């Protein structure tokens, strides 16, 4: 699935790194229930998801044996039908987001998910695992996000969604990255910022939904937005060693920083 990208002024006026702080942090803010899913799914994305559900179902949909109640309760909030064996699969065609159902208490295991646009993670390796194990690939992630989010989910009010923005930089607009990519192909100016609007909502005392809506912007668009450029540099420079490795390595980081510096001349 490829996209013709145009400048999104709303994105660049306040990009997800706009405060220049570290990339990996909780950053959840409350939103209204009507803004839980902020836009409808378009036909191109529906076709993309349908193709994966048809040809790669076991890659993009995974459920545990004890997840049916959690899925059925979520259908009270997201439209579903009986087109697939798992309700979460059909629900994923009603919204642009990927959907992950998590226990609200206990080990907070990932119970069921439909993930068609993963960034550096593979659903089949995460299903049934607690959040602490899911965050394990980045050694410092449990300290910065894992522990706080466990407490947050345990204490979150029912029916109140919260939002944060995550981001990556890839070499293309490919939606599915099951593992960390090698050094991106092409010039840095051709690379792409992958922004993820992430929401967390405890929709039942026992269950929470983590949803991810992926959007793309060209990195080169940043040349016209000085504040965004400077805050991106600040955020990148704050990455620790483990975060740099997860982000794509020193060469990738240095290449982006050099490109951003070149825009000042």
Foldseek 3Di string as FASTA:
>chain_A
DADDDDDDVVCLVQPQLLVLAAQQAAAKDWDDLVCLFPDWDDPVLLVLLVVCCVPPVVFFKDADPPCQVVLVLCCVPAPFDPPDPHRQSRSCSGGLKWKWKFWLDDLGAGGITGHSFDDAATVVVRHRHGLVVVQPLQPCNCVRYVVVVNVCSNPPDAPIKIKHKHKAKAQHPDRDDNRADAQHDDALQNIKMKMWIWMWHRNDNTMIMIIIRIDIDGPNVCLVRVSSLVSVLSNLVPDDPSRCVRRHHDVNSVSSNVVSVVSVD
